[in-house]
PDB file of N, CA and C in Angstrom:
ATOM      1  N   UNK A   1      -6.054 -23.733 -38.138  1.00  0.00           N
ATOM      2  CA  UNK A   1      -5.488 -24.797 -38.943  1.00  0.00           C
ATOM      3  C   UNK A   1      -6.134 -24.754 -40.323  1.00  0.00           C
ATOM      4  N   UNK A   2      -5.344 -24.937 -41.334  1.00  0.00           N
ATOM      5  CA  UNK A   2      -5.820 -24.934 -42.713  1.00  0.00           C
ATOM      6  C   UNK A   2      -5.895 -26.368 -43.226  1.00  0.00           C
ATOM      7  N   UNK A   3      -6.933 -26.662 -43.996  1.00  0.00           N
ATOM      8  CA  UNK A   3      -7.122 -27.974 -44.606  1.00  0.00           C
ATOM      9  C   UNK A   3      -7.377 -27.795 -46.093  1.00  0.00           C
ATOM     10  N   UNK A   4      -7.036 -28.806 -46.862  1.00  0.00           N
ATOM     11  CA  UNK A   4      -7.389 -28.846 -48.279  1.00  0.00           C
ATOM     12  C   UNK A   4      -8.361 -30.007 -48.457  1.00  0.00           C
ATOM     13  N   UNK A   5      -9.386 -29.791 -49.251  1.00  0.00           N
ATOM     14  CA  UNK A   5     -10.316 -30.872 -49.561  1.00  0.00           C
ATOM     15  C   UNK A   5     -10.690 -30.731 -51.028  1.00  0.00           C
ATOM     16  N   UNK A   6     -10.691 -31.829 -51.733  1.00  0.00           N
ATOM     17  CA  UNK A   6     -11.055 -31.817 -53.145  1.00  0.00           C
ATOM     18  C   UNK A   6     -12.031 -32.951 -53.416  1.00  0.00           C
ATOM     19  N   UNK A   7     -12.789 -32.795 -54.485  1.00  0.00           N
ATOM     20  CA  UNK A   7     -13.758 -33.814 -54.871  1.00  0.00           C
ATOM     21  C   UNK A   7     -13.709 -33.969 -56.388  1.00  0.00           C
ATOM     22  N   UNK A   8     -13.920 -35.182 -56.844  1.00  0.00           N
ATOM     23  CA  UNK A   8     -13.977 -35.458 -58.275  1.00  0.00           C
ATOM     24  C   UNK A   8     -15.355 -35.997 -58.592  1.00  0.00           C
ATOM     25  N   UNK A   9     -16.017 -35.339 -59.533  1.00  0.00           N
ATOM     26  CA  UNK A   9     -17.393 -35.688 -59.889  1.00  0.00           C
ATOM     27  C   UNK A   9     -17.513 -35.862 -61.401  1.00  0.00           C
ATOM     28  N   UNK A  10     -18.435 -36.703 -61.818  1.00  0.00           N
ATOM     29  CA  UNK A  10     -18.873 -36.758 -63.202  1.00  0.00           C
ATOM     30  C   UNK A  10     -20.077 -35.838 -63.262  1.00  0.00           C
ATOM     31  N   UNK A  11     -19.935 -34.725 -63.925  1.00  0.00           N
ATOM     32  CA  UNK A  11     -21.006 -33.726 -63.922  1.00  0.00           C
ATOM     33  C   UNK A  11     -22.238 -34.156 -64.708  1.00  0.00           C
ATOM     34  N   UNK A  12     -22.089 -35.130 -65.601  1.00  0.00           N
ATOM     35  CA  UNK A  12     -23.267 -35.595 -66.340  1.00  0.00           C
ATOM     36  C   UNK A  12     -24.105 -36.568 -65.531  1.00  0.00           C
ATOM     37  N   UNK A  13     -23.470 -37.358 -64.659  1.00  0.00           N
ATOM     38  CA  UNK A  13     -24.217 -38.349 -63.876  1.00  0.00           C
ATOM     39  C   UNK A  13     -24.370 -37.960 -62.407  1.00  0.00           C
ATOM     40  N   UNK A  14     -23.535 -37.052 -61.936  1.00  0.00           N
ATOM     41  CA  UNK A  14     -23.554 -36.672 -60.529  1.00  0.00           C
ATOM     42  C   UNK A  14     -22.788 -37.638 -59.641  1.00  0.00           C
ATOM     43  N   UNK A  15     -22.056 -38.571 -60.257  1.00  0.00           N
ATOM     44  CA  UNK A  15     -21.310 -39.566 -59.493  1.00  0.00           C
ATOM     45  C   UNK A  15     -20.024 -38.966 -58.931  1.00  0.00           C
ATOM     46  N   UNK A  16     -19.779 -39.208 -57.649  1.00  0.00           N
ATOM     47  CA  UNK A  16     -18.523 -38.803 -57.010  1.00  0.00           C
ATOM     48  C   UNK A  16     -17.542 -39.969 -57.119  1.00  0.00           C
ATOM     49  N   UNK A  17     -16.260 -39.661 -57.260  1.00  0.00           N
ATOM     50  CA  UNK A  17     -15.223 -40.680 -57.399  1.00  0.00           C
ATOM     51  C   UNK A  17     -14.272 -40.676 -56.215  1.00  0.00           C
ATOM     52  N   UNK A  18     -14.428 -41.620 -55.293  1.00  0.00           N
ATOM     53  CA  UNK A  18     -13.374 -41.796 -54.289  1.00  0.00           C
ATOM     54  C   UNK A  18     -12.153 -42.389 -54.997  1.00  0.00           C
ATOM     55  N   UNK A  19     -11.005 -42.319 -54.374  1.00  0.00           N
ATOM     56  CA  UNK A  19      -9.755 -42.759 -54.997  1.00  0.00           C
ATOM     57  C   UNK A  19      -9.860 -44.174 -55.562  1.00  0.00           C
ATOM     58  N   UNK A  20     -10.435 -45.092 -54.830  1.00  0.00           N
ATOM     59  CA  UNK A  20     -10.493 -46.498 -55.261  1.00  0.00           C
ATOM     60  C   UNK A  20     -11.240 -46.669 -56.574  1.00  0.00           C
ATOM     61  N   UNK A  21     -12.180 -45.805 -56.870  1.00  0.00           N
ATOM     62  CA  UNK A  21     -12.973 -45.927 -58.092  1.00  0.00           C
ATOM     63  C   UNK A  21     -12.249 -45.431 -59.339  1.00  0.00           C
ATOM     64  N   UNK A  22     -11.053 -44.909 -59.180  1.00  0.00           N
ATOM     65  CA  UNK A  22     -10.256 -44.499 -60.336  1.00  0.00           C
ATOM     66  C   UNK A  22      -9.516 -45.680 -60.941  1.00  0.00           C
ATOM     67  N   UNK A  23      -9.512 -46.805 -60.221  1.00  0.00           N
ATOM     68  CA  UNK A  23      -8.687 -47.948 -60.616  1.00  0.00           C
ATOM     69  C   UNK A  23      -9.535 -49.180 -60.890  1.00  0.00           C
ATOM     70  N   UNK A  24      -8.941 -50.117 -61.618  1.00  0.00           N
ATOM     71  CA  UNK A  24      -9.621 -51.376 -61.910  1.00  0.00           C
ATOM     72  C   UNK A  24      -9.929 -52.101 -60.603  1.00  0.00           C
ATOM     73  N   UNK A  25     -11.092 -52.745 -60.528  1.00  0.00           N
ATOM     74  CA  UNK A  25     -11.410 -53.529 -59.322  1.00  0.00           C
ATOM     75  C   UNK A  25     -10.341 -54.600 -59.093  1.00  0.00           C
ATOM     76  N   UNK A  26      -9.926 -54.743 -57.847  1.00  0.00           N
ATOM     77  CA  UNK A  26      -8.921 -55.740 -57.501  1.00  0.00           C
ATOM     78  C   UNK A  26      -7.493 -55.338 -57.804  1.00  0.00           C
ATOM     79  N   UNK A  27      -7.302 -54.147 -58.351  1.00  0.00           N
ATOM     80  CA  UNK A  27      -5.932 -53.710 -58.639  1.00  0.00           C
ATOM     81  C   UNK A  27      -5.227 -53.376 -57.328  1.00  0.00           C
ATOM     82  N   UNK A  28      -3.943 -53.408 -57.355  1.00  0.00           N
ATOM     83  CA  UNK A  28      -3.152 -53.101 -56.157  1.00  0.00           C
ATOM     84  C   UNK A  28      -2.746 -51.629 -56.163  1.00  0.00           C
ATOM     85  N   UNK A  29      -3.735 -50.750 -56.388  1.00  0.00           N
ATOM     86  CA  UNK A  29      -3.455 -49.328 -56.542  1.00  0.00           C
ATOM     87  C   UNK A  29      -2.751 -48.715 -55.332  1.00  0.00           C
ATOM     88  N   UNK A  30      -3.084 -49.137 -54.129  1.00  0.00           N
ATOM     89  CA  UNK A  30      -2.445 -48.574 -52.935  1.00  0.00           C
ATOM     90  C   UNK A  30      -0.943 -48.870 -52.966  1.00  0.00           C
ATOM     91  N   UNK A  31      -0.570 -50.100 -53.263  1.00  0.00           N
ATOM     92  CA  UNK A  31       0.848 -50.471 -53.299  1.00  0.00           C
ATOM     93  C   UNK A  31       1.580 -49.748 -54.427  1.00  0.00           C
ATOM     94  N   UNK A  32       0.946 -49.636 -55.590  1.00  0.00           N
ATOM     95  CA  UNK A  32       1.572 -48.952 -56.725  1.00  0.00           C
ATOM     96  C   UNK A  32       1.805 -47.484 -56.392  1.00  0.00           C
ATOM     97  N   UNK A  33       0.788 -46.830 -55.835  1.00  0.00           N
ATOM     98  CA  UNK A  33       0.929 -45.411 -55.479  1.00  0.00           C
ATOM     99  C   UNK A  33       1.947 -45.225 -54.359  1.00  0.00           C
ATOM    100  N   UNK A  34       1.965 -46.139 -53.382  1.00  0.00           N
ATOM    101  CA  UNK A  34       2.965 -46.060 -52.306  1.00  0.00           C
ATOM    102  C   UNK A  34       4.382 -46.086 -52.866  1.00  0.00           C
ATOM    103  N   UNK A  35       4.623 -46.991 -53.816  1.00  0.00           N
ATOM    104  CA  UNK A  35       5.959 -47.111 -54.414  1.00  0.00           C
ATOM    105  C   UNK A  35       6.363 -45.810 -55.111  1.00  0.00           C
ATOM    106  N   UNK A  36       5.454 -45.232 -55.867  1.00  0.00           N
ATOM    107  CA  UNK A  36       5.742 -43.985 -56.589  1.00  0.00           C
ATOM    108  C   UNK A  36       5.978 -42.849 -55.605  1.00  0.00           C
ATOM    109  N   UNK A  37       5.146 -42.766 -54.575  1.00  0.00           N
ATOM    110  CA  UNK A  37       5.288 -41.704 -53.573  1.00  0.00           C
ATOM    111  C   UNK A  37       6.619 -41.845 -52.834  1.00  0.00           C
ATOM    112  N   UNK A  38       6.987 -43.060 -52.453  1.00  0.00           N
ATOM    113  CA  UNK A  38       8.274 -43.270 -51.775  1.00  0.00           C
ATOM    114  C   UNK A  38       9.438 -42.841 -52.656  1.00  0.00           C
ATOM    115  N   UNK A  39       9.357 -43.138 -53.954  1.00  0.00           N
ATOM    116  CA  UNK A  39      10.406 -42.709 -54.880  1.00  0.00           C
ATOM    117  C   UNK A  39      10.487 -41.184 -54.937  1.00  0.00           C
ATOM    118  N   UNK A  40       9.338 -40.530 -55.034  1.00  0.00           N
ATOM    119  CA  UNK A  40       9.314 -39.066 -55.093  1.00  0.00           C
ATOM    120  C   UNK A  40       9.823 -38.449 -53.788  1.00  0.00           C
ATOM    121  N   UNK A  41       9.481 -39.057 -52.658  1.00  0.00           N
ATOM    122  CA  UNK A  41       9.956 -38.546 -51.366  1.00  0.00           C
ATOM    123  C   UNK A  41      11.481 -38.600 -51.311  1.00  0.00           C
ATOM    124  N   UNK A  42      12.033 -39.683 -51.811  1.00  0.00           N
ATOM    125  CA  UNK A  42      13.490 -39.839 -51.823  1.00  0.00           C
ATOM    126  C   UNK A  42      14.132 -38.809 -52.758  1.00  0.00           C
ATOM    127  N   UNK A  43      13.583 -38.657 -53.964  1.00  0.00           N
ATOM    128  CA  UNK A  43      14.111 -37.701 -54.941  1.00  0.00           C
ATOM    129  C   UNK A  43      14.048 -36.269 -54.425  1.00  0.00           C
ATOM    130  N   UNK A  44      12.959 -35.935 -53.743  1.00  0.00           N
ATOM    131  CA  UNK A  44      12.746 -34.574 -53.250  1.00  0.00           C
ATOM    132  C   UNK A  44      13.337 -34.358 -51.855  1.00  0.00           C
ATOM    133  N   UNK A  45      13.900 -35.407 -51.290  1.00  0.00           N
ATOM    134  CA  UNK A  45      14.505 -35.366 -49.956  1.00  0.00           C
ATOM    135  C   UNK A  45      13.531 -34.810 -48.917  1.00  0.00           C
ATOM    136  N   UNK A  46      12.331 -35.369 -48.917  1.00  0.00           N
ATOM    137  CA  UNK A  46      11.288 -34.946 -47.985  1.00  0.00           C
ATOM    138  C   UNK A  46      11.530 -35.608 -46.631  1.00  0.00           C
ATOM    139  N   UNK A  47      11.596 -34.787 -45.611  1.00  0.00           N
ATOM    140  CA  UNK A  47      11.786 -35.272 -44.242  1.00  0.00           C
ATOM    141  C   UNK A  47      10.408 -35.464 -43.617  1.00  0.00           C
ATOM    142  N   UNK A  48      10.142 -36.673 -43.129  1.00  0.00           N
ATOM    143  CA  UNK A  48       8.831 -36.984 -42.557  1.00  0.00           C
ATOM    144  C   UNK A  48       8.885 -36.993 -41.031  1.00  0.00           C
ATOM    145  N   UNK A  49       7.738 -36.782 -40.424  1.00  0.00           N
ATOM    146  CA  UNK A  49       7.640 -36.835 -38.964  1.00  0.00           C
ATOM    147  C   UNK A  49       7.833 -38.265 -38.465  1.00  0.00           C
ATOM    148  N   UNK A  50       7.302 -39.216 -39.217  1.00  0.00           N
ATOM    149  CA  UNK A  50       7.446 -40.645 -38.935  1.00  0.00           C
ATOM    150  C   UNK A  50       7.702 -41.328 -40.270  1.00  0.00           C
ATOM    151  N   UNK A  51       8.282 -42.512 -40.262  1.00  0.00           N
ATOM    152  CA  UNK A  51       8.494 -43.202 -41.540  1.00  0.00           C
ATOM    153  C   UNK A  51       7.173 -43.386 -42.296  1.00  0.00           C
ATOM    154  N   UNK A  52       7.203 -43.110 -43.595  1.00  0.00           N
ATOM    155  CA  UNK A  52       6.007 -43.267 -44.425  1.00  0.00           C
ATOM    156  C   UNK A  52       5.695 -44.744 -44.579  1.00  0.00           C
ATOM    157  N   UNK A  53       4.444 -45.102 -44.307  1.00  0.00           N
ATOM    158  CA  UNK A  53       4.019 -46.487 -44.422  1.00  0.00           C
ATOM    159  C   UNK A  53       3.122 -46.680 -45.641  1.00  0.00           C
ATOM    160  N   UNK A  54       2.051 -45.894 -45.711  1.00  0.00           N
ATOM    161  CA  UNK A  54       1.094 -46.124 -46.790  1.00  0.00           C
ATOM    162  C   UNK A  54       0.092 -44.981 -46.872  1.00  0.00           C
ATOM    163  N   UNK A  55      -0.437 -44.803 -48.075  1.00  0.00           N
ATOM    164  CA  UNK A  55      -1.599 -43.933 -48.213  1.00  0.00           C
ATOM    165  C   UNK A  55      -2.799 -44.721 -47.702  1.00  0.00           C
ATOM    166  N   UNK A  56      -3.889 -44.036 -47.459  1.00  0.00           N
ATOM    167  CA  UNK A  56      -5.116 -44.735 -47.098  1.00  0.00           C
ATOM    168  C   UNK A  56      -5.874 -45.057 -48.390  1.00  0.00           C
ATOM    169  N   UNK A  57      -6.726 -46.069 -48.385  1.00  0.00           N
ATOM    170  CA  UNK A  57      -7.486 -46.402 -49.592  1.00  0.00           C
ATOM    171  C   UNK A  57      -8.362 -45.254 -50.091  1.00  0.00           C
ATOM    172  N   UNK A  58      -8.699 -44.320 -49.198  1.00  0.00           N
ATOM    173  CA  UNK A  58      -9.501 -43.155 -49.592  1.00  0.00           C
ATOM    174  C   UNK A  58      -8.702 -41.858 -49.441  1.00  0.00           C
ATOM    175  N   UNK A  59      -7.408 -41.932 -49.736  1.00  0.00           N
ATOM    176  CA  UNK A  59      -6.490 -40.797 -49.610  1.00  0.00           C
ATOM    177  C   UNK A  59      -7.008 -39.585 -50.387  1.00  0.00           C
ATOM    178  N   UNK A  60      -6.715 -38.395 -49.891  1.00  0.00           N
ATOM    179  CA  UNK A  60      -7.084 -37.166 -50.598  1.00  0.00           C
ATOM    180  C   UNK A  60      -6.323 -37.092 -51.918  1.00  0.00           C
ATOM    181  N   UNK A  61      -7.010 -36.626 -52.958  1.00  0.00           N
ATOM    182  CA  UNK A  61      -6.392 -36.491 -54.271  1.00  0.00           C
ATOM    183  C   UNK A  61      -7.153 -35.460 -55.087  1.00  0.00           C
ATOM    184  N   UNK A  62      -6.518 -35.027 -56.172  1.00  0.00           N
ATOM    185  CA  UNK A  62      -7.230 -34.310 -57.218  1.00  0.00           C
ATOM    186  C   UNK A  62      -6.577 -34.661 -58.544  1.00  0.00           C
ATOM    187  N   UNK A  63      -7.230 -34.307 -59.624  1.00  0.00           N
ATOM    188  CA  UNK A  63      -6.757 -34.624 -60.966  1.00  0.00           C
ATOM    189  C   UNK A  63      -6.465 -33.308 -61.676  1.00  0.00           C
ATOM    190  N   UNK A  64      -5.297 -33.255 -62.346  1.00  0.00           N
ATOM    191  CA  UNK A  64      -4.930 -32.056 -63.095  1.00  0.00           C
ATOM    192  C   UNK A  64      -3.919 -32.415 -64.171  1.00  0.00           C
ATOM    193  N   UNK A  65      -4.117 -31.884 -65.363  1.00  0.00           N
ATOM    194  CA  UNK A  65      -3.121 -31.985 -66.439  1.00  0.00           C
ATOM    195  C   UNK A  65      -2.605 -33.402 -66.668  1.00  0.00           C
ATOM    196  N   UNK A  66      -3.502 -34.337 -66.892  1.00  0.00           N
ATOM    197  CA  UNK A  66      -3.141 -35.743 -67.134  1.00  0.00           C
ATOM    198  C   UNK A  66      -2.319 -36.334 -66.006  1.00  0.00           C
ATOM    199  N   UNK A  67      -2.651 -35.914 -64.800  1.00  0.00           N
ATOM    200  CA  UNK A  67      -1.939 -36.411 -63.621  1.00  0.00           C
ATOM    201  C   UNK A  67      -2.897 -36.589 -62.453  1.00  0.00           C
ATOM    202  N   UNK A  68      -2.555 -37.544 -61.623  1.00  0.00           N
ATOM    203  CA  UNK A  68      -3.215 -37.757 -60.344  1.00  0.00           C
ATOM    204  C   UNK A  68      -2.313 -37.121 -59.296  1.00  0.00           C
ATOM    205  N   UNK A  69      -2.872 -36.260 -58.471  1.00  0.00           N
ATOM    206  CA  UNK A  69      -2.098 -35.614 -57.416  1.00  0.00           C
ATOM    207  C   UNK A  69      -2.589 -36.139 -56.070  1.00  0.00           C
ATOM    208  N   UNK A  70      -1.723 -36.885 -55.404  1.00  0.00           N
ATOM    209  CA  UNK A  70      -2.019 -37.392 -54.060  1.00  0.00           C
ATOM    210  C   UNK A  70      -1.458 -36.378 -53.076  1.00  0.00           C
ATOM    211  N   UNK A  71      -2.256 -35.989 -52.097  1.00  0.00           N
ATOM    212  CA  UNK A  71      -1.752 -35.007 -51.123  1.00  0.00           C
ATOM    213  C   UNK A  71      -2.123 -35.411 -49.709  1.00  0.00           C
ATOM    214  N   UNK A  72      -1.395 -34.796 -48.785  1.00  0.00           N
ATOM    215  CA  UNK A  72      -1.570 -35.060 -47.357  1.00  0.00           C
ATOM    216  C   UNK A  72      -1.866 -33.746 -46.659  1.00  0.00           C
ATOM    217  N   UNK A  73      -2.594 -33.824 -45.565  1.00  0.00           N
ATOM    218  CA  UNK A  73      -2.889 -32.643 -44.759  1.00  0.00           C
ATOM    219  C   UNK A  73      -1.647 -32.240 -43.958  1.00  0.00           C
ATOM    220  N   UNK A  74      -1.679 -31.026 -43.442  1.00  0.00           N
ATOM    221  CA  UNK A  74      -0.587 -30.554 -42.596  1.00  0.00           C
ATOM    222  C   UNK A  74      -0.391 -31.517 -41.429  1.00  0.00           C
ATOM    223  N   UNK A  75       0.826 -31.793 -41.107  1.00  0.00           N
ATOM    224  CA  UNK A  75       1.243 -32.679 -40.008  1.00  0.00           C
ATOM    225  C   UNK A  75       0.959 -34.167 -40.246  1.00  0.00           C
ATOM    226  N   UNK A  76       0.271 -34.538 -41.327  1.00  0.00           N
ATOM    227  CA  UNK A  76       0.039 -35.964 -41.582  1.00  0.00           C
ATOM    228  C   UNK A  76       1.324 -36.682 -41.965  1.00  0.00           C
ATOM    229  N   UNK A  77       2.217 -35.967 -42.619  1.00  0.00           N
ATOM    230  CA  UNK A  77       3.426 -36.584 -43.144  1.00  0.00           C
ATOM    231  C   UNK A  77       4.682 -35.805 -42.756  1.00  0.00           C
ATOM    232  N   UNK A  78       4.580 -34.496 -42.797  1.00  0.00           N
ATOM    233  CA  UNK A  78       5.739 -33.636 -42.561  1.00  0.00           C
ATOM    234  C   UNK A  78       5.403 -32.527 -41.579  1.00  0.00           C
ATOM    235  N   UNK A  79       6.420 -31.781 -41.211  1.00  0.00           N
ATOM    236  CA  UNK A  79       6.226 -30.622 -40.343  1.00  0.00           C
ATOM    237  C   UNK A  79       5.452 -29.530 -41.086  1.00  0.00           C
ATOM    238  N   UNK A  80       4.810 -28.673 -40.351  1.00  0.00           N
ATOM    239  CA  UNK A  80       3.997 -27.583 -40.902  1.00  0.00           C
ATOM    240  C   UNK A  80       4.783 -26.745 -41.905  1.00  0.00           C
ATOM    241  N   UNK A  81       6.051 -26.514 -41.637  1.00  0.00           N
ATOM    242  CA  UNK A  81       6.888 -25.658 -42.485  1.00  0.00           C
ATOM    243  C   UNK A  81       7.000 -26.169 -43.918  1.00  0.00           C
ATOM    244  N   UNK A  82       6.777 -27.468 -44.142  1.00  0.00           N
ATOM    245  CA  UNK A  82       6.851 -28.037 -45.482  1.00  0.00           C
ATOM    246  C   UNK A  82       5.561 -27.825 -46.268  1.00  0.00           C
ATOM    247  N   UNK A  83       4.513 -27.363 -45.613  1.00  0.00           N
ATOM    248  CA  UNK A  83       3.241 -27.164 -46.291  1.00  0.00           C
ATOM    249  C   UNK A  83       2.523 -28.482 -46.536  1.00  0.00           C
ATOM    250  N   UNK A  84       1.681 -28.491 -47.555  1.00  0.00           N
ATOM    251  CA  UNK A  84       0.915 -29.690 -47.900  1.00  0.00           C
ATOM    252  C   UNK A  84       1.742 -30.546 -48.853  1.00  0.00           C
ATOM    253  N   UNK A  85       2.194 -31.711 -48.423  1.00  0.00           N
ATOM    254  CA  UNK A  85       2.964 -32.570 -49.330  1.00  0.00           C
ATOM    255  C   UNK A  85       2.066 -33.077 -50.460  1.00  0.00           C
ATOM    256  N   UNK A  86       2.521 -32.848 -51.702  1.00  0.00           N
ATOM    257  CA  UNK A  86       1.757 -33.266 -52.882  1.00  0.00           C
ATOM    258  C   UNK A  86       2.660 -34.076 -53.794  1.00  0.00           C
ATOM    259  N   UNK A  87       2.095 -35.128 -54.348  1.00  0.00           N
ATOM    260  CA  UNK A  87       2.844 -36.039 -55.212  1.00  0.00           C
ATOM    261  C   UNK A  87       2.098 -36.164 -56.533  1.00  0.00           C
ATOM    262  N   UNK A  88       2.729 -35.684 -57.589  1.00  0.00           N
ATOM    263  CA  UNK A  88       2.128 -35.663 -58.918  1.00  0.00           C
ATOM    264  C   UNK A  88       2.517 -36.945 -59.650  1.00  0.00           C
ATOM    265  N   UNK A  89       1.509 -37.693 -60.084  1.00  0.00           N
ATOM    266  CA  UNK A  89       1.723 -38.983 -60.728  1.00  0.00           C
ATOM    267  C   UNK A  89       1.065 -38.949 -62.107  1.00  0.00           C
ATOM    268  N   UNK A  90       1.865 -39.078 -63.146  1.00  0.00           N
ATOM    269  CA  UNK A  90       1.348 -39.076 -64.509  1.00  0.00           C
ATOM    270  C   UNK A  90       0.412 -40.260 -64.719  1.00  0.00           C
ATOM    271  N   UNK A  91      -0.683 -40.031 -65.449  1.00  0.00           N
ATOM    272  CA  UNK A  91      -1.597 -41.130 -65.737  1.00  0.00           C
ATOM    273  C   UNK A  91      -0.906 -42.216 -66.557  1.00  0.00           C
ATOM    274  N   UNK A  92       0.120 -41.857 -67.302  1.00  0.00           N
ATOM    275  CA  UNK A  92       0.829 -42.833 -68.123  1.00  0.00           C
ATOM    276  C   UNK A  92       1.692 -43.767 -67.269  1.00  0.00           C
ATOM    277  N   UNK A  93       2.059 -43.339 -66.066  1.00  0.00           N
ATOM    278  CA  UNK A  93       2.835 -44.188 -65.153  1.00  0.00           C
ATOM    279  C   UNK A  93       1.977 -45.237 -64.448  1.00  0.00           C
ATOM    280  N   UNK A  94       0.674 -45.024 -64.447  1.00  0.00           N
ATOM    281  CA  UNK A  94      -0.230 -45.960 -63.763  1.00  0.00           C
ATOM    282  C   UNK A  94      -1.299 -46.501 -64.711  1.00  0.00           C
ATOM    283  N   UNK A  95      -1.055 -46.376 -65.985  1.00  0.00           N
ATOM    284  CA  UNK A  95      -2.039 -46.724 -67.002  1.00  0.00           C
ATOM    285  C   UNK A  95      -2.553 -48.154 -66.885  1.00  0.00           C
ATOM    286  N   UNK A  96      -1.683 -49.105 -66.463  1.00  0.00           N
ATOM    287  CA  UNK A  96      -2.099 -50.506 -66.396  1.00  0.00           C
ATOM    288  C   UNK A  96      -3.176 -50.764 -65.355  1.00  0.00           C
ATOM    289  N   UNK A  97      -3.285 -49.919 -64.339  1.00  0.00           N
ATOM    290  CA  UNK A  97      -4.236 -50.197 -63.258  1.00  0.00           C
ATOM    291  C   UNK A  97      -5.436 -49.260 -63.237  1.00  0.00           C
ATOM    292  N   UNK A  98      -5.442 -48.231 -64.075  1.00  0.00           N
ATOM    293  CA  UNK A  98      -6.578 -47.305 -64.023  1.00  0.00           C
ATOM    294  C   UNK A  98      -7.792 -47.875 -64.738  1.00  0.00           C
ATOM    295  N   UNK A  99      -8.957 -47.500 -64.266  1.00  0.00           N
ATOM    296  CA  UNK A  99     -10.219 -47.888 -64.884  1.00  0.00           C
ATOM    297  C   UNK A  99     -10.384 -47.058 -66.152  1.00  0.00           C
ATOM    298  N   UNK A 100     -10.407 -47.725 -67.292  1.00  0.00           N
ATOM    299  CA  UNK A 100     -10.492 -47.022 -68.574  1.00  0.00           C
ATOM    300  C   UNK A 100     -11.752 -46.181 -68.707  1.00  0.00           C
ATOM    301  N   UNK A 101     -12.804 -46.538 -67.974  1.00  0.00           N
ATOM    302  CA  UNK A 101     -14.070 -45.808 -68.053  1.00  0.00           C
ATOM    303  C   UNK A 101     -14.178 -44.680 -67.033  1.00  0.00           C
ATOM    304  N   UNK A 102     -13.182 -44.541 -66.176  1.00  0.00           N
ATOM    305  CA  UNK A 102     -13.203 -43.495 -65.157  1.00  0.00           C
ATOM    306  C   UNK A 102     -12.503 -42.230 -65.635  1.00  0.00           C
ATOM    307  N   UNK A 103     -12.413 -41.247 -64.768  1.00  0.00           N
ATOM    308  CA  UNK A 103     -11.819 -39.958 -65.135  1.00  0.00           C
ATOM    309  C   UNK A 103     -10.358 -40.050 -65.589  1.00  0.00           C
ATOM    310  N   UNK A 104      -9.568 -40.923 -64.974  1.00  0.00           N
ATOM    311  CA  UNK A 104      -8.171 -41.047 -65.384  1.00  0.00           C
ATOM    312  C   UNK A 104      -8.052 -41.766 -66.722  1.00  0.00           C
ATOM    313  N   UNK A 105      -8.931 -42.717 -66.983  1.00  0.00           N
ATOM    314  CA  UNK A 105      -8.906 -43.448 -68.243  1.00  0.00           C
ATOM    315  C   UNK A 105      -9.086 -42.542 -69.441  1.00  0.00           C
ATOM    316  N   UNK A 106      -9.927 -41.552 -69.286  1.00  0.00           N
ATOM    317  CA  UNK A 106     -10.156 -40.598 -70.380  1.00  0.00           C
ATOM    318  C   UNK A 106      -8.920 -39.756 -70.650  1.00  0.00           C
ATOM    319  N   UNK A 107      -8.100 -39.531 -69.632  1.00  0.00           N
ATOM    320  CA  UNK A 107      -6.894 -38.719 -69.777  1.00  0.00           C
ATOM    321  C   UNK A 107      -5.704 -39.527 -70.291  1.00  0.00           C
ATOM    322  N   UNK A 108      -5.745 -40.825 -70.117  1.00  0.00           N
ATOM    323  CA  UNK A 108      -4.611 -41.680 -70.482  1.00  0.00           C
ATOM    324  C   UNK A 108      -4.560 -41.992 -71.973  1.00  0.00           C
ATOM    325  N   UNK A 109      -5.439 -41.382 -72.726  1.00  0.00           N
ATOM    326  CA  UNK A 109      -5.455 -41.598 -74.171  1.00  0.00           C
ATOM    327  C   UNK A 109      -4.520 -40.586 -74.806  1.00  0.00           C
ATOM    328  N   UNK A 110      -3.563 -41.091 -75.590  1.00  0.00           N
ATOM    329  CA  UNK A 110      -2.658 -40.184 -76.310  1.00  0.00           C
ATOM    330  C   UNK A 110      -3.417 -39.560 -77.474  1.00  0.00           C
ATOM    331  N   UNK A 111      -3.424 -38.258 -77.505  1.00  0.00           N
ATOM    332  CA  UNK A 111      -4.061 -37.565 -78.621  1.00  0.00           C
ATOM    333  C   UNK A 111      -3.173 -36.419 -79.084  1.00  0.00           C
ATOM    334  N   UNK A 112      -3.259 -36.115 -80.346  1.00  0.00           N
ATOM    335  CA  UNK A 112      -2.427 -35.046 -80.906  1.00  0.00           C
ATOM    336  C   UNK A 112      -3.086 -33.722 -80.783  1.00  0.00           C
TER     337      UNK A 112
END
């Protein structure tokens, strides 16, 4: 069985960032991400093993190209043949709830 695991660190402080620490305290980040993921599942016509309910508060993720990528392990959401389901979410789509001092906050700044 193959697994994917990623970690986000601040290399200057050595601090690791679980998913919840990317967002403002008390924000409804799980519900916001669930809504976006459900929309993407519908657009991509992803067939799930069971109806999608929710990500976990410590869901697997990585950050790339001004985006948060939420992903699931094999069989967590879909059949093996679909591979690892990944959902790319632009930082600009979740800008209201991200912690400005965290890794996503630094990416949400428009620069030329």
